[in-house]
Amino acid sequence: SNTPVAESSNGIRIYPNPATSFMHVQGEVTGAAYQIYNQLGVLVQSGD
C-alpha cells in the first residue's frame, strides 16, 4: 500500500510493468526466492 509498484521498499526493481512474456527482477536478490500470487491469493508460480 505504501510502496511503488515497480520498485519495492528493499530496492528490488521489477520491470517492465506491464509485461508480456518475461518479468525481470533486479537488485539484492542473489539467494532469494520469488512467489507470484493471483488476485485470489493463490500461488501460481515460484522459484529461486
All heavy atoms as atom14 arrays in JSON, in Angstrom:
{
  "sequence": "SNTPVAESSNGIRIYPNPATSFMHVQGEVTGAAYQIYNQLGVLVQSGD",
  "atom14_mask": [
    [1, 1, 1, 1, 1, 1, 0, 0, 0, 0, 0, 0, 0, 0],
    [1, 1, 1, 1, 1, 1, 1, 1, 0, 0, 0, 0, 0, 0],
    [1, 1, 1, 1, 1, 1, 1, 0, 0, 0, 0, 0, 0, 0],
    [1, 1, 1, 1, 1, 1, 1, 0, 0, 0, 0, 0, 0, 0],
    [1, 1, 1, 1, 1, 1, 1, 0, 0, 0, 0, 0, 0, 0],
    [1, 1, 1, 1, 1, 0, 0, 0, 0, 0, 0, 0, 0, 0],
    [1, 1, 1, 1, 1, 1, 1, 1, 1, 0, 0, 0, 0, 0],
    [1, 1, 1, 1, 1, 1, 0, 0, 0, 0, 0, 0, 0, 0],
    [1, 1, 1, 1, 1, 1, 0, 0, 0, 0, 0, 0, 0, 0],
    [1, 1, 1, 1, 1, 1, 1, 1, 0, 0, 0, 0, 0, 0],
    [1, 1, 1, 1, 0, 0, 0, 0, 0, 0, 0, 0, 0, 0],
    [1, 1, 1, 1, 1, 1, 1, 1, 0, 0, 0, 0, 0, 0],
    [1, 1, 1, 1, 1, 1, 1, 1, 1, 1, 1, 0, 0, 0],
    [1, 1, 1, 1, 1, 1, 1, 1, 0, 0, 0, 0, 0, 0],
    [1, 1, 1, 1, 1, 1, 1, 1, 1, 1, 1, 1, 0, 0],
    [1, 1, 1, 1, 1, 1, 1, 0, 0, 0, 0, 0, 0, 0],
    [1, 1, 1, 1, 1, 1, 1, 1, 0, 0, 0, 0, 0, 0],
    [1, 1, 1, 1, 1, 1, 1, 0, 0, 0, 0, 0, 0, 0],
    [1, 1, 1, 1, 1, 0, 0, 0, 0, 0, 0, 0, 0, 0],
    [1, 1, 1, 1, 1, 1, 1, 0, 0, 0, 0, 0, 0, 0],
    [1, 1, 1, 1, 1, 1, 0, 0, 0, 0, 0, 0, 0, 0],
    [1, 1, 1, 1, 1, 1, 1, 1, 1, 1, 1, 0, 0, 0],
    [1, 1, 1, 1, 1, 1, 1, 1, 0, 0, 0, 0, 0, 0],
    [1, 1, 1, 1, 1, 1, 1, 1, 1, 1, 0, 0, 0, 0],
    [1, 1, 1, 1, 1, 1, 1, 0, 0, 0, 0, 0, 0, 0],
    [1, 1, 1, 1, 1, 1, 1, 1, 1, 0, 0, 0, 0, 0],
    [1, 1, 1, 1, 0, 0, 0, 0, 0, 0, 0, 0, 0, 0],
    [1, 1, 1, 1, 1, 1, 1, 1, 1, 0, 0, 0, 0, 0],
    [1, 1, 1, 1, 1, 1, 1, 0, 0, 0, 0, 0, 0, 0],
    [1, 1, 1, 1, 1, 1, 1, 0, 0, 0, 0, 0, 0, 0],
    [1, 1, 1, 1, 0, 0, 0, 0, 0, 0, 0, 0, 0, 0],
    [1, 1, 1, 1, 1, 0, 0, 0, 0, 0, 0, 0, 0, 0],
    [1, 1, 1, 1, 1, 0, 0, 0, 0, 0, 0, 0, 0, 0],
    [1, 1, 1, 1, 1, 1, 1, 1, 1, 1, 1, 1, 0, 0],
    [1, 1, 1, 1, 1, 1, 1, 1, 1, 0, 0, 0, 0, 0],
    [1, 1, 1, 1, 1, 1, 1, 1, 0, 0, 0, 0, 0, 0],
    [1, 1, 1, 1, 1, 1, 1, 1, 1, 1, 1, 1, 0, 0],
    [1, 1, 1, 1, 1, 1, 1, 1, 0, 0, 0, 0, 0, 0],
    [1, 1, 1, 1, 1, 1, 1, 1, 1, 0, 0, 0, 0, 0],
    [1, 1, 1, 1, 1, 1, 1, 1, 0, 0, 0, 0, 0, 0],
    [1, 1, 1, 1, 0, 0, 0, 0, 0, 0, 0, 0, 0, 0],
    [1, 1, 1, 1, 1, 1, 1, 0, 0, 0, 0, 0, 0, 0],
    [1, 1, 1, 1, 1, 1, 1, 1, 0, 0, 0, 0, 0, 0],
    [1, 1, 1, 1, 1, 1, 1, 0, 0, 0, 0, 0, 0, 0],
    [1, 1, 1, 1, 1, 1, 1, 1, 1, 0, 0, 0, 0, 0],
    [1, 1, 1, 1, 1, 1, 0, 0, 0, 0, 0, 0, 0, 0],
    [1, 1, 1, 1, 0, 0, 0, 0, 0, 0, 0, 0, 0, 0],
    [1, 1, 1, 1, 1, 1, 1, 1, 0, 0, 0, 0, 0, 0]
  ],
  "atom14_positions": [
    [[0.8, -1.21, 0.0], [0.0, 0.0, 0.0], [0.84, 1.27, 0.0], [0.4, 2.3, -0.49], [-0.94, 0.0, 1.21], [-0.19, -0.08, 2.41], [0.0, 0.0, 0.0], [0.0, 0.0, 0.0], [0.0, 0.0, 0.0], [0.0, 0.0, 0.0], [0.0, 0.0, 0.0], [0.0, 0.0, 0.0], [0.0, 0.0, 0.0], [0.0, 0.0, 0.0]],
    [[2.05, 1.23, 0.56], [2.86, 2.44, 0.63], [4.17, 2.32, -0.15], [5.14, 3.03, 0.12], [3.17, 2.77, 2.09], [1.93, 3.16, 2.84], [1.13, 3.93, 2.35], [1.75, 2.61, 4.03], [0.0, 0.0, 0.0], [0.0, 0.0, 0.0], [0.0, 0.0, 0.0], [0.0, 0.0, 0.0], [0.0, 0.0, 0.0], [0.0, 0.0, 0.0]],
    [[4.22, 1.39, -1.1], [5.45, 1.22, -1.87], [5.14, 1.37, -3.35], [4.05, 1.02, -3.8], [6.08, -0.16, -1.63], [5.12, -1.17, -1.97], [6.49, -0.32, -0.19], [0.0, 0.0, 0.0], [0.0, 0.0, 0.0], [0.0, 0.0, 0.0], [0.0, 0.0, 0.0], [0.0, 0.0, 0.0], [0.0, 0.0, 0.0], [0.0, 0.0, 0.0]],
    [[6.09, 1.88, -4.15], [5.86, 2.0, -5.59], [5.62, 0.63, -6.23], [6.08, -0.39, -5.72], [7.17, 2.61, -6.11], [7.79, 3.25, -4.92], [7.38, 2.4, -3.74], [0.0, 0.0, 0.0], [0.0, 0.0, 0.0], [0.0, 0.0, 0.0], [0.0, 0.0, 0.0], [0.0, 0.0, 0.0], [0.0, 0.0, 0.0], [0.0, 0.0, 0.0]],
    [[4.92, 0.65, -7.32], [4.58, -0.61, -7.99], [5.8, -1.28, -8.57], [5.99, -2.48, -8.45], [3.54, -0.35, -9.09], [3.32, -1.6, -9.93], [2.23, 0.08, -8.46], [0.0, 0.0, 0.0], [0.0, 0.0, 0.0], [0.0, 0.0, 0.0], [0.0, 0.0, 0.0], [0.0, 0.0, 0.0], [0.0, 0.0, 0.0], [0.0, 0.0, 0.0]],
    [[6.67, -0.52, -9.24], [7.78, -1.12, -9.97], [9.01, -1.35, -9.09], [9.95, -1.99, -9.52], [8.17, -0.25, -11.15], [0.0, 0.0, 0.0], [0.0, 0.0, 0.0], [0.0, 0.0, 0.0], [0.0, 0.0, 0.0], [0.0, 0.0, 0.0], [0.0, 0.0, 0.0], [0.0, 0.0, 0.0], [0.0, 0.0, 0.0], [0.0, 0.0, 0.0]],
    [[9.01, -0.82, -7.88], [10.19, -0.96, -7.03], [9.75, -1.16, -5.6], [8.91, -0.43, -5.08], [11.1, 0.27, -7.14], [12.41, 0.09, -6.39], [13.37, 1.22, -6.68], [13.07, 2.01, -7.59], [14.4, 1.31, -5.99], [0.0, 0.0, 0.0], [0.0, 0.0, 0.0], [0.0, 0.0, 0.0], [0.0, 0.0, 0.0], [0.0, 0.0, 0.0]],
    [[10.3, -2.17, -4.93], [9.9, -2.47, -3.56], [10.67, -1.59, -2.59], [11.61, -0.88, -2.96], [10.19, -3.93, -3.24], [11.57, -4.1, -3.0], [0.0, 0.0, 0.0], [0.0, 0.0, 0.0], [0.0, 0.0, 0.0], [0.0, 0.0, 0.0], [0.0, 0.0, 0.0], [0.0, 0.0, 0.0], [0.0, 0.0, 0.0], [0.0, 0.0, 0.0]],
    [[10.31, -1.69, -1.32], [10.97, -0.89, -0.3], [12.39, -1.36, -0.04], [13.17, -0.66, 0.57], [10.16, -0.94, 1.01], [9.99, -2.28, 1.42], [0.0, 0.0, 0.0], [0.0, 0.0, 0.0], [0.0, 0.0, 0.0], [0.0, 0.0, 0.0], [0.0, 0.0, 0.0], [0.0, 0.0, 0.0], [0.0, 0.0, 0.0], [0.0, 0.0, 0.0]],
    [[12.75, -2.55, -0.49], [14.09, -3.09, -0.26], [14.99, -2.94, -1.49], [15.97, -3.66, -1.63], [14.0, -4.57, 0.13], [13.4, -4.73, 1.51], [13.44, -3.81, 2.31], [12.84, -5.89, 1.79], [0.0, 0.0, 0.0], [0.0, 0.0, 0.0], [0.0, 0.0, 0.0], [0.0, 0.0, 0.0], [0.0, 0.0, 0.0], [0.0, 0.0, 0.0]],
    [[14.63, -2.04, -2.4], [15.48, -1.76, -3.53], [15.43, -2.78, -4.64], [16.34, -2.86, -5.47], [0.0, 0.0, 0.0], [0.0, 0.0, 0.0], [0.0, 0.0, 0.0], [0.0, 0.0, 0.0], [0.0, 0.0, 0.0], [0.0, 0.0, 0.0], [0.0, 0.0, 0.0], [0.0, 0.0, 0.0], [0.0, 0.0, 0.0], [0.0, 0.0, 0.0]],
    [[14.43, -3.6, -4.68], [14.28, -4.61, -5.72], [13.38, -4.05, -6.81], [12.27, -3.61, -6.54], [13.7, -5.92, -5.15], [14.68, -6.51, -4.13], [13.4, -6.91, -6.26], [14.12, -7.69, -3.38], [0.0, 0.0, 0.0], [0.0, 0.0, 0.0], [0.0, 0.0, 0.0], [0.0, 0.0, 0.0], [0.0, 0.0, 0.0], [0.0, 0.0, 0.0]],
    [[13.87, -4.06, -8.02], [13.15, -3.49, -9.16], [12.56, -4.62, -9.99], [13.23, -5.59, -10.3], [14.08, -2.63, -10.0], [13.39, -1.95, -11.17], [14.31, -0.9, -11.79], [13.68, -0.28, -12.95], [14.05, -0.49, -14.21], [15.06, -1.31, -14.47], [13.44, 0.1, -15.21], [0.0, 0.0, 0.0], [0.0, 0.0, 0.0], [0.0, 0.0, 0.0]],
    [[11.29, -4.47, -10.36], [10.61, -5.44, -11.21], [10.16, -4.72, -12.46], [9.45, -3.71, -12.38], [9.4, -6.06, -10.48], [9.87, -6.79, -9.22], [8.64, -7.01, -11.39], [8.74, -7.29, -8.35], [0.0, 0.0, 0.0], [0.0, 0.0, 0.0], [0.0, 0.0, 0.0], [0.0, 0.0, 0.0], [0.0, 0.0, 0.0], [0.0, 0.0, 0.0]],
    [[10.58, -5.22, -13.62], [10.29, -4.5, -14.85], [10.26, -5.48, -16.01], [10.76, -6.61, -15.88], [11.35, -3.42, -15.09], [12.74, -3.97, -15.34], [13.21, -4.18, -16.66], [13.58, -4.31, -14.29], [14.47, -4.71, -16.89], [14.84, -4.84, -14.52], [15.27, -5.04, -15.82], [16.52, -5.56, -16.06], [0.0, 0.0, 0.0], [0.0, 0.0, 0.0]],
    [[9.71, -5.12, -17.2], [8.81, -3.97, -17.39], [7.47, -4.24, -16.73], [7.15, -5.39, -16.42], [8.67, -3.91, -18.92], [8.81, -5.34, -19.35], [9.83, -5.95, -18.41], [0.0, 0.0, 0.0], [0.0, 0.0, 0.0], [0.0, 0.0, 0.0], [0.0, 0.0, 0.0], [0.0, 0.0, 0.0], [0.0, 0.0, 0.0], [0.0, 0.0, 0.0]],
    [[6.71, -3.23, -16.53], [5.4, -3.38, -15.89], [4.41, -2.43, -16.57], [4.55, -1.23, -16.42], [5.51, -3.03, -14.4], [4.26, -3.42, -13.62], [3.36, -4.04, -14.16], [4.21, -3.03, -12.36], [0.0, 0.0, 0.0], [0.0, 0.0, 0.0], [0.0, 0.0, 0.0], [0.0, 0.0, 0.0], [0.0, 0.0, 0.0], [0.0, 0.0, 0.0]],
    [[3.48, -2.95, -17.38], [3.12, -4.35, -17.59], [4.18, -5.11, -18.41], [5.01, -4.5, -19.09], [1.81, -4.27, -18.37], [1.32, -2.86, -18.2], [2.55, -2.03, -18.03], [0.0, 0.0, 0.0], [0.0, 0.0, 0.0], [0.0, 0.0, 0.0], [0.0, 0.0, 0.0], [0.0, 0.0, 0.0], [0.0, 0.0, 0.0], [0.0, 0.0, 0.0]],
    [[4.1, -6.45, -18.37], [4.99, -7.3, -19.13], [4.15, -8.28, -19.95], [2.94, -8.41, -19.75], [5.92, -8.05, -18.2], [0.0, 0.0, 0.0], [0.0, 0.0, 0.0], [0.0, 0.0, 0.0], [0.0, 0.0, 0.0], [0.0, 0.0, 0.0], [0.0, 0.0, 0.0], [0.0, 0.0, 0.0], [0.0, 0.0, 0.0], [0.0, 0.0, 0.0]],
    [[4.82, -8.99, -20.84], [4.12, -9.96, -21.68], [4.64, -11.38, -21.48], [3.91, -12.26, -21.04], [4.23, -9.58, -23.16], [5.61, -9.42, -23.51], [3.49, -8.28, -23.44], [0.0, 0.0, 0.0], [0.0, 0.0, 0.0], [0.0, 0.0, 0.0], [0.0, 0.0, 0.0], [0.0, 0.0, 0.0], [0.0, 0.0, 0.0], [0.0, 0.0, 0.0]],
    [[5.92, -11.61, -21.77], [6.46, -12.97, -21.71], [7.49, -13.16, -20.59], [7.59, -14.26, -20.03], [7.11, -13.33, -23.05], [6.16, -13.29, -24.09], [0.0, 0.0, 0.0], [0.0, 0.0, 0.0], [0.0, 0.0, 0.0], [0.0, 0.0, 0.0], [0.0, 0.0, 0.0], [0.0, 0.0, 0.0], [0.0, 0.0, 0.0], [0.0, 0.0, 0.0]],
    [[8.26, -12.1, -20.27], [9.28, -12.21, -19.24], [9.17, -11.06, -18.25], [8.89, -9.92, -18.62], [10.69, -12.23, -19.86], [11.04, -13.53, -20.51], [10.76, -13.74, -21.85], [11.65, -14.55, -19.78], [11.08, -14.94, -22.46], [11.97, -15.75, -20.38], [11.68, -15.95, -21.72], [0.0, 0.0, 0.0], [0.0, 0.0, 0.0], [0.0, 0.0, 0.0]],
    [[9.41, -11.38, -16.99], [9.47, -10.4, -15.91], [10.9, -10.4, -15.38], [11.46, -11.46, -15.08], [8.49, -10.77, -14.8], [8.58, -9.9, -13.56], [7.46, -10.5, -12.26], [8.27, -12.02, -11.78], [0.0, 0.0, 0.0], [0.0, 0.0, 0.0], [0.0, 0.0, 0.0], [0.0, 0.0, 0.0], [0.0, 0.0, 0.0], [0.0, 0.0, 0.0]],
    [[11.49, -9.23, -15.28], [12.88, -9.12, -14.81], [12.89, -8.62, -13.37], [12.21, -7.65, -13.02], [13.66, -8.17, -15.71], [13.76, -8.63, -17.13], [14.81, -9.38, -17.6], [12.92, -8.47, -18.17], [14.63, -9.67, -18.87], [13.49, -9.12, -19.25], [0.0, 0.0, 0.0], [0.0, 0.0, 0.0], [0.0, 0.0, 0.0], [0.0, 0.0, 0.0]],
    [[13.71, -9.27, -12.55], [13.87, -8.87, -11.15], [15.33, -8.48, -10.96], [16.25, -9.24, -11.28], [13.5, -10.02, -10.19], [13.68, -9.58, -8.74], [12.06, -10.47, -10.44], [0.0, 0.0, 0.0], [0.0, 0.0, 0.0], [0.0, 0.0, 0.0], [0.0, 0.0, 0.0], [0.0, 0.0, 0.0], [0.0, 0.0, 0.0], [0.0, 0.0, 0.0]],
    [[15.56, -7.28, -10.43], [16.91, -6.74, -10.3], [17.11, -6.16, -8.91], [16.21, -5.55, -8.34], [17.14, -5.66, -11.35], [18.57, -5.14, -11.42], [18.72, -4.13, -12.53], [17.91, -3.23, -12.66], [19.75, -4.27, -13.34], [0.0, 0.0, 0.0], [0.0, 0.0, 0.0], [0.0, 0.0, 0.0], [0.0, 0.0, 0.0], [0.0, 0.0, 0.0]],
    [[18.28, -6.37, -8.35], [18.58, -5.83, -7.02], [19.32, -6.85, -6.19], [19.99, -7.76, -6.72], [0.0, 0.0, 0.0], [0.0, 0.0, 0.0], [0.0, 0.0, 0.0], [0.0, 0.0, 0.0], [0.0, 0.0, 0.0], [0.0, 0.0, 0.0], [0.0, 0.0, 0.0], [0.0, 0.0, 0.0], [0.0, 0.0, 0.0], [0.0, 0.0, 0.0]],
    [[19.2, -6.76, -4.87], [19.88, -7.68, -3.97], [19.05, -8.96, -3.82], [18.43, -9.22, -2.79], [20.07, -7.0, -2.6], [20.93, -5.75, -2.68], [21.03, -5.07, -1.32], [20.6, -5.67, -0.32], [21.55, -3.95, -1.27], [0.0, 0.0, 0.0], [0.0, 0.0, 0.0], [0.0, 0.0, 0.0], [0.0, 0.0, 0.0], [0.0, 0.0, 0.0]],
    [[19.06, -9.76, -4.88], [18.18, -10.93, -4.91], [18.93, -12.25, -4.98], [18.31, -13.31, -4.99], [17.21, -10.84, -6.1], [16.27, -9.67, -5.93], [17.95, -10.76, -7.42], [0.0, 0.0, 0.0], [0.0, 0.0, 0.0], [0.0, 0.0, 0.0], [0.0, 0.0, 0.0], [0.0, 0.0, 0.0], [0.0, 0.0, 0.0], [0.0, 0.0, 0.0]],
    [[20.26, -12.23, -5.02], [21.01, -13.48, -5.06], [20.71, -14.31, -3.81], [20.82, -13.82, -2.69], [22.52, -13.2, -5.14], [22.78, -12.42, -6.31], [23.31, -14.5, -5.22], [0.0, 0.0, 0.0], [0.0, 0.0, 0.0], [0.0, 0.0, 0.0], [0.0, 0.0, 0.0], [0.0, 0.0, 0.0], [0.0, 0.0, 0.0], [0.0, 0.0, 0.0]],
    [[20.28, -15.54, -4.02], [19.91, -16.41, -2.91], [18.5, -16.22, -2.42], [18.09, -16.86, -1.45], [0.0, 0.0, 0.0], [0.0, 0.0, 0.0], [0.0, 0.0, 0.0], [0.0, 0.0, 0.0], [0.0, 0.0, 0.0], [0.0, 0.0, 0.0], [0.0, 0.0, 0.0], [0.0, 0.0, 0.0], [0.0, 0.0, 0.0], [0.0, 0.0, 0.0]],
    [[17.74, -15.36, -3.09], [16.35, -15.12, -2.68], [15.41, -16.06, -3.44], [15.81, -16.75, -4.38], [15.97, -13.67, -2.95], [0.0, 0.0, 0.0], [0.0, 0.0, 0.0], [0.0, 0.0, 0.0], [0.0, 0.0, 0.0], [0.0, 0.0, 0.0], [0.0, 0.0, 0.0], [0.0, 0.0, 0.0], [0.0, 0.0, 0.0], [0.0, 0.0, 0.0]],
    [[14.18, -16.08, -3.01], [13.13, -16.85, -3.69], [12.01, -15.9, -4.08], [11.79, -14.89, -3.42], [12.59, -17.95, -2.77], [0.0, 0.0, 0.0], [0.0, 0.0, 0.0], [0.0, 0.0, 0.0], [0.0, 0.0, 0.0], [0.0, 0.0, 0.0], [0.0, 0.0, 0.0], [0.0, 0.0, 0.0], [0.0, 0.0, 0.0], [0.0, 0.0, 0.0]],
    [[11.33, -16.23, -5.17], [10.21, -15.4, -5.58], [8.93, -16.23, -5.63], [8.96, -17.44, -5.85], [10.48, -14.76, -6.96], [10.31, -15.7, -8.13], [9.08, -15.88, -8.74], [11.4, -16.42, -8.63], [8.92, -16.75, -9.81], [11.25, -17.29, -9.7], [10.0, -17.45, -10.28], [9.84, -18.31, -11.33], [0.0, 0.0, 0.0], [0.0, 0.0, 0.0]],
    [[7.82, -15.56, -5.39], [6.49, -16.18, -5.49], [5.57, -15.21, -6.23], [5.66, -13.99, -6.02], [5.89, -16.5, -4.11], [6.73, -17.42, -3.24], [7.71, -16.65, -2.39], [7.46, -15.54, -1.96], [8.87, -17.25, -2.14], [0.0, 0.0, 0.0], [0.0, 0.0, 0.0], [0.0, 0.0, 0.0], [0.0, 0.0, 0.0], [0.0, 0.0, 0.0]],
    [[4.72, -15.74, -7.08], [3.73, -14.94, -7.79], [2.35, -15.43, -7.38], [2.04, -16.62, -7.49], [3.9, -15.05, -9.32], [5.31, -14.61, -9.74], [2.86, -14.2, -10.04], [5.59, -14.76, -11.22], [0.0, 0.0, 0.0], [0.0, 0.0, 0.0], [0.0, 0.0, 0.0], [0.0, 0.0, 0.0], [0.0, 0.0, 0.0], [0.0, 0.0, 0.0]],
    [[1.52, -14.5, -6.88], [0.18, -14.81, -6.42], [-0.84, -14.13, -7.33], [-0.65, -12.98, -7.74], [-0.04, -14.34, -4.98], [0.84, -15.01, -3.96], [2.12, -14.52, -3.69], [0.41, -16.14, -3.27], [2.94, -15.13, -2.76], [1.22, -16.75, -2.33], [2.48, -16.24, -2.08], [3.28, -16.85, -1.16], [0.0, 0.0, 0.0], [0.0, 0.0, 0.0]],
    [[-1.95, -14.84, -7.61], [-3.01, -14.19, -8.37], [-3.87, -13.35, -7.45], [-3.6, -13.24, -6.24], [-3.84, -15.21, -9.17], [-4.63, -16.16, -8.27], [-4.82, -15.92, -7.07], [-5.09, -17.26, -8.84], [0.0, 0.0, 0.0], [0.0, 0.0, 0.0], [0.0, 0.0, 0.0], [0.0, 0.0, 0.0], [0.0, 0.0, 0.0], [0.0, 0.0, 0.0]],
    [[-4.95, -12.76, -7.99], [-5.77, -11.83, -7.21], [-6.58, -12.52, -6.12], [-7.13, -11.85, -5.24], [-6.7, -11.06, -8.15], [-5.95, -10.16, -9.11], [-6.86, -9.42, -10.06], [-7.64, -8.58, -9.65], [-6.77, -9.74, -11.34], [0.0, 0.0, 0.0], [0.0, 0.0, 0.0], [0.0, 0.0, 0.0], [0.0, 0.0, 0.0], [0.0, 0.0, 0.0]],
    [[-6.67, -13.85, -6.16], [-7.35, -14.59, -5.11], [-6.38, -15.03, -4.01], [-6.77, -15.71, -3.07], [-8.06, -15.81, -5.69], [-9.15, -15.51, -6.72], [-9.72, -16.82, -7.27], [-10.25, -14.68, -6.08], [0.0, 0.0, 0.0], [0.0, 0.0, 0.0], [0.0, 0.0, 0.0], [0.0, 0.0, 0.0], [0.0, 0.0, 0.0], [0.0, 0.0, 0.0]],
    [[-5.1, -14.65, -4.15], [-4.11, -15.03, -3.17], [-3.54, -16.42, -3.38], [-2.87, -16.96, -2.5], [0.0, 0.0, 0.0], [0.0, 0.0, 0.0], [0.0, 0.0, 0.0], [0.0, 0.0, 0.0], [0.0, 0.0, 0.0], [0.0, 0.0, 0.0], [0.0, 0.0, 0.0], [0.0, 0.0, 0.0], [0.0, 0.0, 0.0], [0.0, 0.0, 0.0]],
    [[-3.79, -17.02, -4.54], [-3.32, -18.37, -4.84], [-1.93, -18.29, -5.46], [-1.69, -17.51, -6.39], [-4.28, -19.1, -5.8], [-3.74, -20.47, -6.17], [-5.66, -19.21, -5.17], [0.0, 0.0, 0.0], [0.0, 0.0, 0.0], [0.0, 0.0, 0.0], [0.0, 0.0, 0.0], [0.0, 0.0, 0.0], [0.0, 0.0, 0.0], [0.0, 0.0, 0.0]],
    [[-0.99, -19.09, -4.96], [0.36, -19.14, -5.51], [0.3, -19.82, -6.88], [-0.12, -20.96, -7.01], [1.28, -19.93, -4.58], [2.73, -20.1, -5.03], [3.44, -18.75, -5.08], [3.48, -21.06, -4.1], [0.0, 0.0, 0.0], [0.0, 0.0, 0.0], [0.0, 0.0, 0.0], [0.0, 0.0, 0.0], [0.0, 0.0, 0.0], [0.0, 0.0, 0.0]],
    [[0.72, -19.1, -7.93], [0.63, -19.63, -9.29], [2.0, -19.92, -9.9], [2.09, -20.64, -10.89], [-0.15, -18.66, -10.21], [-1.6, -18.57, -9.78], [0.5, -17.27, -10.23], [0.0, 0.0, 0.0], [0.0, 0.0, 0.0], [0.0, 0.0, 0.0], [0.0, 0.0, 0.0], [0.0, 0.0, 0.0], [0.0, 0.0, 0.0], [0.0, 0.0, 0.0]],
    [[3.08, -19.39, -9.3], [4.42, -19.66, -9.82], [5.44, -19.27, -8.76], [5.24, -18.3, -8.02], [4.68, -18.87, -11.12], [5.99, -19.24, -11.81], [6.08, -18.61, -13.2], [5.1, -18.54, -13.92], [7.27, -18.16, -13.57], [0.0, 0.0, 0.0], [0.0, 0.0, 0.0], [0.0, 0.0, 0.0], [0.0, 0.0, 0.0], [0.0, 0.0, 0.0]],
    [[6.55, -20.0, -8.68], [7.59, -19.69, -7.71], [8.93, -20.22, -8.22], [8.99, -21.01, -9.17], [7.27, -20.31, -6.34], [7.19, -21.73, -6.44], [0.0, 0.0, 0.0], [0.0, 0.0, 0.0], [0.0, 0.0, 0.0], [0.0, 0.0, 0.0], [0.0, 0.0, 0.0], [0.0, 0.0, 0.0], [0.0, 0.0, 0.0], [0.0, 0.0, 0.0]],
    [[10.0, -19.77, -7.59], [11.33, -20.21, -8.0], [12.39, -19.52, -7.18], [12.11, -18.77, -6.24], [0.0, 0.0, 0.0], [0.0, 0.0, 0.0], [0.0, 0.0, 0.0], [0.0, 0.0, 0.0], [0.0, 0.0, 0.0], [0.0, 0.0, 0.0], [0.0, 0.0, 0.0], [0.0, 0.0, 0.0], [0.0, 0.0, 0.0], [0.0, 0.0, 0.0]],
    [[13.67, -19.77, -7.54], [14.82, -19.19, -6.84], [15.47, -18.12, -7.7], [15.44, -18.17, -8.93], [15.85, -20.27, -6.51], [15.3, -21.31, -5.54], [14.53, -20.92, -4.65], [15.65, -22.5, -5.69], [0.0, 0.0, 0.0], [0.0, 0.0, 0.0], [0.0, 0.0, 0.0], [0.0, 0.0, 0.0], [0.0, 0.0, 0.0], [0.0, 0.0, 0.0]]
  ]
}
